[in-house]
Amino acid sequence: MFFKYKGLNSDGSRAKGILEANDIQEAKAKLRLQGIIYSYLDIDKSFAKSYFKGIFTKDFPSKKLYVISRNLSIYLKSGVSSIVYAIKLEKQQYKNDKKIFRFFSSIEASLQEGKGFYNALESQEVFTLPAFYKQSIKVAEESGTLAIVLKELSIFLKNQEMIKNKISSALAYPLFIVIVSFFMVGFMLSVVVPKITSMFDQLGQELPAITKFVIALGDYIDKNWLFILVFVFAFLFAFAYMYKSFPKFTYMIDSFLLKLPLFGKIIQTSELAKFSYIVSVLINSGVTFVQAVKLSSNTIKNRVINRTFIRASNELVKGKKLSNSLSKQNYKVDMAFIQAISLGEETSQMREILQNLSELYTEGNNDKINKMLSLLEPILILIVGAIIGVIVTAMLLPIFSINLNM
C-alpha cells in the first residue's frame, strides 16, 4: 500500500511525497531511515486499488519508458554518482503525473533501503514492466554497464513505438470503414429491411430463399441486439482472460496465429528481431552468450517460439550449438536465422551478426506490415460491399419478380 507524508528533511528543508510500505509501522521506519521527521503520515486513499496487487496494474507506456530510460542513461553518463540520485532527478519531471511520480517514489524508497535497481523495479506495484526490460537491467547491474544498457533499451523501445504508431495510423482508416459498415449493415437490417418486409407481406407473394434469410436475420437482430452486444463483449472478455490465464489455450492460439498467411511470418520476424537485438545488447554489456540467450528466450511473447528457444537454450547450457538445437526443434525457425547463428558461432562474431539480423528483420517486417495494410483496405471494402450487395439483392429480387408477373 501507499502512504502520503509531510515533514522535514535532516537539513531542515520541507519534505512531502508518497512511499510504499506494507503497513504504517514500516512506513514510519522508512521515513526514519531517510532522515525525515514527519508531521503527517496516512494511507494514500486515492490509490486504494493498489491493495489488489497486479489486478489494476497496467503496462508502463512505452513512449514514456524509452524517454525515462534515455534520461537515466544521460544522467549516469554525465557523472551522476548513483542511480538513486538519477531517479530523484527524473522524478521531478513528473510531478503532475501522479502515477509515474508514485512509480518513482516506490523505486526511490526501495533503493534507499539498499535494494538494487532491478529488485526495486521488480517489487514496485504501480506499473507492469516488460520482462526483457527488467532482465536487461538485472544483467547490466551485475556487469556494471547500466548506463550503456539503458541507452540501448531506449533506442529499442523508441523503434518499437515508431512501428506501433505506424501500424495504428495505417489501421485508422480500415477501422473507420469497419465501424461505419457495422452500423450501416445494422441499420439496414433493423430499420430498412422490416419496412420493405411489410410491403411483401401485403402482396402475399412467395419470397426467394435469400430474401427470407435476410428478413429473418433482420428480425433476429432487431429483437436481440442487446443480447448480441452483451454476448460479443462477454466473449472478448472471456477470450482475453483465458489467453492470459491458461497456458494451453495461449499456446493453441499462438500456434494458430503462426500458421496464418503473412500474419504468422510477421509475428515470427518480430520475435526474432527482438531476440537478436536483446542478445546483442547483453553480449555488448559483458554477458556471456549462454546467459544472454537464456535471458532473451524468456522475453519472447509467442508461446510456441518461446518454448522453442527455451528448449534450445537448455541444450546450449549442455555445450551444444544454438544453431543445431534450433534446427532440431518441432517448430521450425526461419532457416536464414539459423544459418546466421551458425556463422556467428564459427566466426565468434555473434554480437555483430545478431545486431545485423535485428536490423534486417526489422526492415523486412516493416515491408511485410506495409504490404498487409495495403491489402487490408481493399479487402475490407470488398467484404462490406458484398454484404450490402447481398442485402440489396435480397430486397430487389421480389420486386423484380412482381414486375415480371404483371
Protein backbone atom coordinates (compact mmCIF):
# COMPACT_ATOMS: atom_id res chain seq x y z
CA MET A 1 0.00 0.00 0.00
CA PHE A 2 1.00 3.64 -0.36
CA PHE A 3 1.28 6.40 2.25
CA LYS A 4 1.32 10.18 1.95
CA TYR A 5 3.70 12.06 4.20
CA LYS A 6 4.75 15.61 5.06
CA GLY A 7 7.60 16.73 7.27
CA LEU A 8 11.18 18.00 7.39
CA ASN A 9 14.43 16.58 5.99
CA SER A 10 17.52 16.30 8.16
CA ASP A 11 18.77 19.62 6.75
CA GLY A 12 15.56 21.41 7.78
CA SER A 13 14.00 21.61 4.30
CA ARG A 14 10.40 20.62 3.74
CA ALA A 15 9.66 17.09 2.59
CA LYS A 16 6.50 15.57 1.20
CA GLY A 17 5.66 12.67 -1.07
CA ILE A 18 4.37 9.14 -1.34
CA LEU A 19 6.08 5.94 -0.19
CA GLU A 20 5.22 2.27 -0.44
CA ALA A 21 5.04 0.03 2.64
CA ASN A 22 3.13 -2.99 3.92
CA ASP A 23 1.77 -1.12 6.95
CA ILE A 24 2.13 2.20 8.79
CA GLN A 25 4.88 0.90 11.07
CA GLU A 26 7.02 0.02 8.07
CA ALA A 27 6.25 3.45 6.57
CA LYS A 28 7.48 5.14 9.77
CA ALA A 29 10.65 3.03 9.70
CA LYS A 30 11.32 4.02 6.10
CA LEU A 31 10.93 7.70 6.91
CA ARG A 32 13.34 7.39 9.84
CA LEU A 33 15.82 5.64 7.55
CA GLN A 34 15.60 8.58 5.14
CA GLY A 35 16.11 11.07 7.96
CA ILE A 36 12.64 12.59 7.58
CA ILE A 37 10.78 13.88 10.63
CA TYR A 38 7.15 13.57 9.61
CA SER A 39 4.29 15.77 10.74
CA TYR A 40 1.69 13.90 8.68
CA LEU A 41 1.55 10.26 7.63
CA ASP A 42 -1.54 8.43 6.38
CA ILE A 43 -2.73 5.94 3.76
CA ASP A 44 -2.98 7.40 0.29
CA LYS A 45 -6.68 6.65 -0.21
CA SER A 46 -6.72 7.89 -3.80
CA PHE A 47 -4.73 4.77 -4.68
CA ALA A 48 -6.72 2.29 -2.59
CA LYS A 49 -6.87 -0.07 -5.55
CA SER A 50 -3.17 -0.80 -5.06
CA TYR A 51 -4.21 -3.25 -2.32
CA PHE A 52 -5.14 -5.64 -5.08
CA LYS A 53 -1.68 -6.38 -6.34
CA GLY A 54 -1.41 -6.97 -10.06
CA ILE A 55 -5.14 -6.66 -10.80
CA PHE A 56 -5.22 -2.97 -11.61
CA THR A 57 -1.61 -2.51 -12.69
CA LYS A 58 -1.13 -1.65 -16.35
CA ASP A 59 1.80 -1.67 -18.70
CA PHE A 60 4.20 1.25 -18.48
CA PRO A 61 3.56 3.48 -21.53
CA SER A 62 6.40 2.57 -23.90
CA LYS A 63 6.64 6.15 -25.17
CA LYS A 64 7.44 7.39 -21.68
CA LEU A 65 9.55 4.36 -20.78
CA TYR A 66 12.03 4.99 -23.59
CA VAL A 67 12.27 8.69 -22.65
CA ILE A 68 12.90 7.80 -18.99
CA SER A 69 15.48 5.16 -19.96
CA ARG A 70 17.28 7.67 -22.19
CA ASN A 71 17.29 10.34 -19.48
CA LEU A 72 18.58 7.96 -16.79
CA SER A 73 21.35 6.89 -19.16
CA ILE A 74 22.31 10.52 -19.77
CA TYR A 75 22.37 11.27 -16.03
CA LEU A 76 24.62 8.29 -15.31
CA LYS A 77 26.96 9.10 -18.20
CA SER A 78 27.14 12.75 -17.10
CA GLY A 79 28.71 11.84 -13.78
CA VAL A 80 25.66 11.42 -11.53
CA SER A 81 27.01 9.46 -8.59
CA SER A 82 24.29 6.80 -8.31
CA ILE A 83 21.04 5.52 -9.78
CA VAL A 84 19.24 6.81 -6.65
CA TYR A 85 20.15 10.40 -7.46
CA ALA A 86 19.31 9.86 -11.15
CA ILE A 87 15.85 8.61 -10.11
CA LYS A 88 15.37 11.68 -7.90
CA LEU A 89 16.23 13.98 -10.79
CA GLU A 90 13.90 12.20 -13.19
CA LYS A 91 11.07 12.07 -10.65
CA GLN A 92 10.93 15.85 -10.58
CA GLN A 93 9.88 15.83 -14.24
CA TYR A 94 6.65 14.00 -13.38
CA LYS A 95 5.19 16.00 -10.50
CA ASN A 96 1.98 16.45 -12.49
CA ASP A 97 1.68 12.77 -13.38
CA LYS A 98 0.66 11.14 -10.10
CA LYS A 99 1.02 7.55 -11.23
CA ILE A 100 4.54 7.89 -12.67
CA PHE A 101 5.54 10.05 -9.67
CA ARG A 102 4.29 7.25 -7.42
CA PHE A 103 6.27 4.75 -9.50
CA PHE A 104 9.47 6.76 -8.96
CA SER A 105 8.70 7.20 -5.26
CA SER A 106 8.41 3.44 -4.86
CA ILE A 107 11.69 2.87 -6.76
CA GLU A 108 13.46 5.55 -4.74
CA ALA A 109 12.29 4.11 -1.41
CA SER A 110 13.48 0.62 -2.38
CA LEU A 111 16.88 1.93 -3.50
CA GLN A 112 17.33 3.84 -0.24
CA GLU A 113 16.64 0.60 1.64
CA GLY A 114 19.65 -0.89 -0.09
CA LYS A 115 17.90 -2.83 -2.84
CA GLY A 116 19.33 -2.93 -6.35
CA PHE A 117 17.64 -1.19 -9.28
CA TYR A 118 16.34 -4.50 -10.67
CA ASN A 119 14.85 -5.54 -7.31
CA ALA A 120 13.27 -2.10 -6.96
CA LEU A 121 11.63 -2.46 -10.38
CA GLU A 122 10.52 -5.97 -9.51
CA SER A 123 8.94 -5.04 -6.18
CA GLN A 124 7.02 -1.92 -7.29
CA GLU A 125 3.30 -2.44 -7.96
CA VAL A 126 2.42 0.68 -9.91
CA PHE A 127 3.21 -0.48 -13.45
CA THR A 128 3.91 -3.74 -15.23
CA LEU A 129 7.27 -3.54 -16.97
CA PRO A 130 8.34 -5.74 -19.92
CA ALA A 131 10.18 -8.87 -18.79
CA PHE A 132 13.09 -8.26 -21.18
CA TYR A 133 13.50 -4.74 -19.78
CA LYS A 134 13.84 -5.94 -16.19
CA GLN A 135 16.13 -8.81 -17.15
CA SER A 136 18.37 -6.44 -19.11
CA ILE A 137 18.57 -4.12 -16.08
CA LYS A 138 19.44 -7.07 -13.86
CA VAL A 139 22.34 -8.15 -16.07
CA ALA A 140 23.50 -4.55 -16.55
CA GLU A 141 23.71 -4.05 -12.78
CA GLU A 142 25.74 -7.21 -12.37
CA SER A 143 28.14 -6.22 -15.16
CA GLY A 144 28.37 -2.51 -14.24
CA THR A 145 27.05 -1.32 -17.62
CA LEU A 146 23.74 0.20 -16.55
CA ALA A 147 24.19 3.46 -18.48
CA ILE A 148 25.01 1.65 -21.73
CA VAL A 149 22.14 -0.83 -21.45
CA LEU A 150 19.63 1.91 -20.56
CA LYS A 151 20.62 3.77 -23.71
CA GLU A 152 20.29 0.64 -25.85
CA LEU A 153 16.91 -0.14 -24.28
CA SER A 154 15.71 3.40 -25.00
CA ILE A 155 16.68 3.01 -28.68
CA PHE A 156 14.92 -0.34 -28.91
CA LEU A 157 11.75 0.93 -27.20
CA LYS A 158 11.70 4.01 -29.42
CA ASN A 159 11.91 1.87 -32.56
CA GLN A 160 9.13 -0.39 -31.25
CA GLU A 161 6.97 2.65 -30.50
CA MET A 162 7.55 4.02 -34.02
CA ILE A 163 6.44 0.72 -35.54
CA LYS A 164 3.38 0.63 -33.27
CA ASN A 165 2.41 4.21 -34.20
CA LYS A 166 2.89 3.43 -37.87
CA ILE A 167 0.58 0.42 -37.65
CA SER A 168 -2.01 2.38 -35.61
CA SER A 169 -2.03 5.21 -38.17
CA ALA A 170 -2.32 2.79 -41.07
CA LEU A 171 -5.15 0.89 -39.35
CA ALA A 172 -7.15 4.04 -38.58
CA TYR A 173 -8.91 4.18 -41.97
CA PRO A 174 -9.69 0.44 -42.23
CA LEU A 175 -11.02 0.53 -38.67
CA PHE A 176 -13.20 3.51 -39.58
CA ILE A 177 -14.56 1.52 -42.55
CA VAL A 178 -15.37 -1.46 -40.31
CA ILE A 179 -17.18 0.66 -37.69
CA VAL A 180 -19.21 2.62 -40.24
CA SER A 181 -20.02 -0.59 -42.13
CA PHE A 182 -21.14 -2.31 -38.93
CA PHE A 183 -23.64 0.46 -38.16
CA MET A 184 -24.72 0.69 -41.80
CA VAL A 185 -25.48 -3.03 -42.07
CA GLY A 186 -27.17 -2.96 -38.65
CA PHE A 187 -29.32 -0.01 -39.73
CA MET A 188 -30.33 -1.73 -42.97
CA LEU A 189 -31.21 -5.00 -41.25
CA SER A 190 -33.09 -3.48 -38.31
CA VAL A 191 -34.81 -0.46 -39.98
CA VAL A 192 -34.84 -0.66 -43.79
CA VAL A 193 -35.49 -4.39 -44.21
CA PRO A 194 -38.54 -4.53 -41.84
CA LYS A 195 -40.23 -1.67 -43.75
CA ILE A 196 -39.76 -3.44 -47.08
CA THR A 197 -40.87 -6.71 -45.47
CA SER A 198 -44.25 -5.21 -44.56
CA MET A 199 -44.81 -4.46 -48.26
CA PHE A 200 -44.04 -8.07 -49.18
CA ASP A 201 -46.49 -9.32 -46.53
CA GLN A 202 -49.30 -7.29 -48.12
CA LEU A 203 -48.59 -8.80 -51.53
CA GLY A 204 -48.69 -12.35 -50.18
CA GLN A 205 -46.09 -13.48 -52.72
CA GLU A 206 -43.65 -16.37 -52.22
CA LEU A 207 -40.24 -14.88 -51.46
CA PRO A 208 -36.84 -16.14 -52.66
CA ALA A 209 -34.74 -18.08 -50.13
CA ILE A 210 -32.13 -15.31 -49.88
CA THR A 211 -34.83 -12.75 -49.14
CA LYS A 212 -36.31 -14.95 -46.40
CA PHE A 213 -32.87 -15.35 -44.87
CA VAL A 214 -32.17 -11.60 -44.83
CA ILE A 215 -35.62 -10.84 -43.38
CA ALA A 216 -35.19 -13.48 -40.65
CA LEU A 217 -31.73 -12.11 -39.85
CA GLY A 218 -33.10 -8.55 -39.66
CA ASP A 219 -35.92 -9.66 -37.32
CA TYR A 220 -33.47 -11.53 -35.09
CA ILE A 221 -31.08 -8.56 -34.80
CA ASP A 222 -33.96 -6.16 -34.15
CA LYS A 223 -35.28 -8.32 -31.28
CA ASN A 224 -31.97 -9.46 -29.80
CA TRP A 225 -29.48 -6.62 -30.43
CA LEU A 226 -28.86 -6.14 -26.70
CA PHE A 227 -28.20 -9.85 -26.18
CA ILE A 228 -25.82 -9.88 -29.19
CA LEU A 229 -23.94 -6.87 -27.84
CA VAL A 230 -23.58 -8.43 -24.38
CA PHE A 231 -22.51 -11.74 -25.91
CA VAL A 232 -19.79 -10.09 -28.02
CA PHE A 233 -18.33 -8.24 -25.02
CA ALA A 234 -18.56 -11.34 -22.81
CA PHE A 235 -16.83 -13.42 -25.47
CA LEU A 236 -13.99 -10.89 -25.84
CA PHE A 237 -13.55 -10.70 -22.07
CA ALA A 238 -13.56 -14.49 -21.68
CA PHE A 239 -11.11 -14.89 -24.56
CA ALA A 240 -8.71 -12.32 -23.08
CA TYR A 241 -8.95 -13.94 -19.63
CA MET A 242 -8.33 -17.44 -20.97
CA TYR A 243 -5.43 -16.25 -23.12
CA LYS A 244 -3.79 -14.66 -20.10
CA SER A 245 -4.59 -17.36 -17.52
CA PHE A 246 -4.47 -20.74 -19.32
CA PRO A 247 -1.08 -21.65 -20.88
CA LYS A 248 -2.51 -24.46 -23.05
CA PHE A 249 -5.13 -22.14 -24.54
CA THR A 250 -2.46 -19.46 -25.09
CA TYR A 251 -0.20 -21.98 -26.82
CA MET A 252 -3.04 -23.13 -29.08
CA ILE A 253 -3.91 -19.56 -30.13
CA ASP A 254 -0.25 -18.61 -30.66
CA SER A 255 0.23 -21.74 -32.76
CA PHE A 256 -2.81 -20.83 -34.87
CA LEU A 257 -1.56 -17.26 -35.39
CA LEU A 258 1.81 -18.50 -36.62
CA LYS A 259 0.05 -20.59 -39.30
CA LEU A 260 -1.81 -17.60 -40.76
CA PRO A 261 -0.51 -16.43 -44.14
CA LEU A 262 1.66 -13.29 -43.92
CA PHE A 263 0.49 -12.51 -40.36
CA GLY A 264 2.32 -15.56 -38.97
CA LYS A 265 5.51 -14.53 -40.74
CA ILE A 266 5.24 -11.03 -39.28
CA ILE A 267 4.93 -12.45 -35.75
CA GLN A 268 7.97 -14.73 -36.17
CA THR A 269 10.06 -11.96 -37.73
CA SER A 270 9.15 -9.54 -34.94
CA GLU A 271 10.11 -12.06 -32.23
CA LEU A 272 13.40 -12.93 -33.94
CA ALA A 273 14.26 -9.24 -34.36
CA LYS A 274 13.62 -8.58 -30.65
CA PHE A 275 15.54 -11.67 -29.57
CA SER A 276 18.53 -10.78 -31.76
CA TYR A 277 18.62 -7.20 -30.52
CA ILE A 278 18.43 -8.08 -26.82
CA VAL A 279 21.10 -10.80 -27.10
CA SER A 280 23.43 -8.38 -28.91
CA VAL A 281 22.87 -5.72 -26.22
CA LEU A 282 23.55 -8.20 -23.41
CA ILE A 283 26.70 -9.54 -25.09
CA ASN A 284 27.90 -5.96 -25.58
CA SER A 285 27.32 -5.42 -21.86
CA GLY A 286 29.70 -8.23 -20.96
CA VAL A 287 27.18 -11.04 -20.52
CA THR A 288 28.20 -14.49 -21.77
CA PHE A 289 26.43 -15.77 -24.88
CA VAL A 290 24.84 -18.65 -22.99
CA GLN A 291 23.38 -16.40 -20.29
CA ALA A 292 22.27 -13.81 -22.86
CA VAL A 293 20.37 -16.46 -24.84
CA LYS A 294 18.67 -17.84 -21.71
CA LEU A 295 17.58 -14.37 -20.57
CA SER A 296 16.44 -13.29 -24.03
CA SER A 297 14.46 -16.51 -24.59
CA ASN A 298 12.18 -15.52 -21.69
CA THR A 299 11.34 -12.21 -23.37
CA ILE A 300 9.66 -13.86 -26.39
CA LYS A 301 5.89 -13.42 -26.08
CA ASN A 302 4.64 -16.02 -28.55
CA ARG A 303 4.46 -19.24 -26.52
CA VAL A 304 5.39 -21.53 -29.43
CA ILE A 305 8.55 -19.60 -30.31
CA ASN A 306 9.24 -19.02 -26.61
CA ARG A 307 9.18 -22.76 -25.88
CA THR A 308 11.39 -23.45 -28.92
CA PHE A 309 14.09 -21.04 -27.77
CA ILE A 310 13.93 -22.10 -24.12
CA ARG A 311 14.48 -25.74 -25.12
CA ALA A 312 17.33 -24.70 -27.43
CA SER A 313 18.90 -22.56 -24.67
CA ASN A 314 18.79 -25.56 -22.31
CA GLU A 315 20.72 -27.54 -24.90
CA LEU A 316 23.16 -24.63 -25.21
CA VAL A 317 23.92 -24.88 -21.48
CA LYS A 318 24.88 -28.51 -22.04
CA GLY A 319 27.53 -27.44 -24.56
CA LYS A 320 25.60 -27.88 -27.79
CA LYS A 321 25.44 -25.23 -30.52
CA LEU A 322 22.38 -22.99 -30.62
CA SER A 323 22.01 -23.37 -34.38
CA ASN A 324 21.93 -27.18 -34.13
CA SER A 325 19.48 -27.10 -31.23
CA LEU A 326 17.11 -24.75 -33.05
CA SER A 327 17.15 -26.85 -36.23
CA LYS A 328 16.04 -29.94 -34.26
CA GLN A 329 13.01 -28.33 -32.58
CA ASN A 330 9.42 -29.16 -33.64
CA TYR A 331 8.70 -25.58 -34.60
CA LYS A 332 10.97 -24.58 -37.46
CA VAL A 333 12.53 -21.15 -37.10
CA ASP A 334 13.48 -19.22 -40.26
CA MET A 335 16.39 -21.11 -41.84
CA ALA A 336 18.21 -17.86 -42.67
CA PHE A 337 18.25 -17.06 -38.94
CA ILE A 338 19.71 -20.48 -38.06
CA GLN A 339 22.38 -20.15 -40.75
CA ALA A 340 23.35 -16.69 -39.47
CA ILE A 341 23.62 -18.04 -35.90
CA SER A 342 25.78 -20.91 -37.20
CA LEU A 343 28.06 -18.39 -38.94
CA GLY A 344 28.34 -16.37 -35.72
CA GLU A 345 29.28 -19.49 -33.75
CA GLU A 346 32.01 -20.33 -36.29
CA THR A 347 33.48 -16.81 -36.56
CA SER A 348 32.98 -15.74 -32.89
CA GLN A 349 31.31 -12.52 -34.08
CA MET A 350 27.90 -13.27 -32.67
CA ARG A 351 27.16 -9.75 -31.42
CA GLU A 352 27.74 -8.12 -34.81
CA ILE A 353 25.76 -10.79 -36.66
CA LEU A 354 22.82 -10.58 -34.22
CA GLN A 355 22.75 -6.80 -34.45
CA ASN A 356 22.68 -7.01 -38.25
CA LEU A 357 19.96 -9.66 -38.04
CA SER A 358 17.86 -7.41 -35.84
CA GLU A 359 18.13 -4.53 -38.31
CA LEU A 360 17.44 -6.82 -41.27
CA TYR A 361 14.37 -8.40 -39.67
CA THR A 362 13.01 -5.03 -38.51
CA GLU A 363 13.26 -3.60 -42.03
CA GLY A 364 11.78 -6.78 -43.50
CA ASN A 365 8.90 -6.63 -41.03
CA ASN A 366 8.16 -3.05 -41.97
CA ASP A 367 7.82 -4.12 -45.62
CA LYS A 368 5.53 -7.02 -44.66
CA ILE A 369 3.37 -4.79 -42.47
CA ASN A 370 3.05 -2.22 -45.26
CA LYS A 371 2.06 -5.00 -47.66
CA MET A 372 -0.52 -6.38 -45.24
CA LEU A 373 -2.05 -2.96 -44.60
CA SER A 374 -2.15 -2.12 -48.30
CA LEU A 375 -4.14 -5.34 -48.88
CA LEU A 376 -6.38 -4.90 -45.84
CA GLU A 377 -8.19 -1.78 -47.03
CA PRO A 378 -9.47 -3.09 -50.41
CA ILE A 379 -10.33 -6.47 -48.82
CA LEU A 380 -12.49 -4.75 -46.19
CA ILE A 381 -14.19 -2.62 -48.83
CA LEU A 382 -14.93 -5.74 -50.90
CA ILE A 383 -16.34 -7.61 -47.88
CA VAL A 384 -18.57 -4.70 -46.86
CA GLY A 385 -19.67 -4.16 -50.44
CA ALA A 386 -20.53 -7.85 -50.78
CA ILE A 387 -22.62 -7.83 -47.57
CA ILE A 388 -24.55 -4.72 -48.61
CA GLY A 389 -24.91 -6.14 -52.13
CA VAL A 390 -26.49 -9.33 -50.76
CA ILE A 391 -28.97 -7.31 -48.67
CA VAL A 392 -29.92 -5.06 -51.61
CA THR A 393 -30.22 -8.04 -53.96
CA ALA A 394 -32.43 -9.87 -51.47
CA MET A 395 -34.77 -6.88 -51.31
CA LEU A 396 -34.84 -6.26 -55.08
CA LEU A 397 -35.45 -9.84 -56.23
CA PRO A 398 -39.12 -9.95 -55.09
CA ILE A 399 -39.74 -6.52 -56.66
CA PHE A 400 -38.32 -7.71 -60.00
CA SER A 401 -40.44 -10.84 -59.69
CA ILE A 402 -43.61 -8.73 -59.21
CA ASN A 403 -42.80 -6.61 -62.25
CA LEU A 404 -42.23 -9.69 -64.41
CA ASN A 405 -45.58 -11.21 -63.37
CA MET A 406 -47.54 -8.05 -64.10
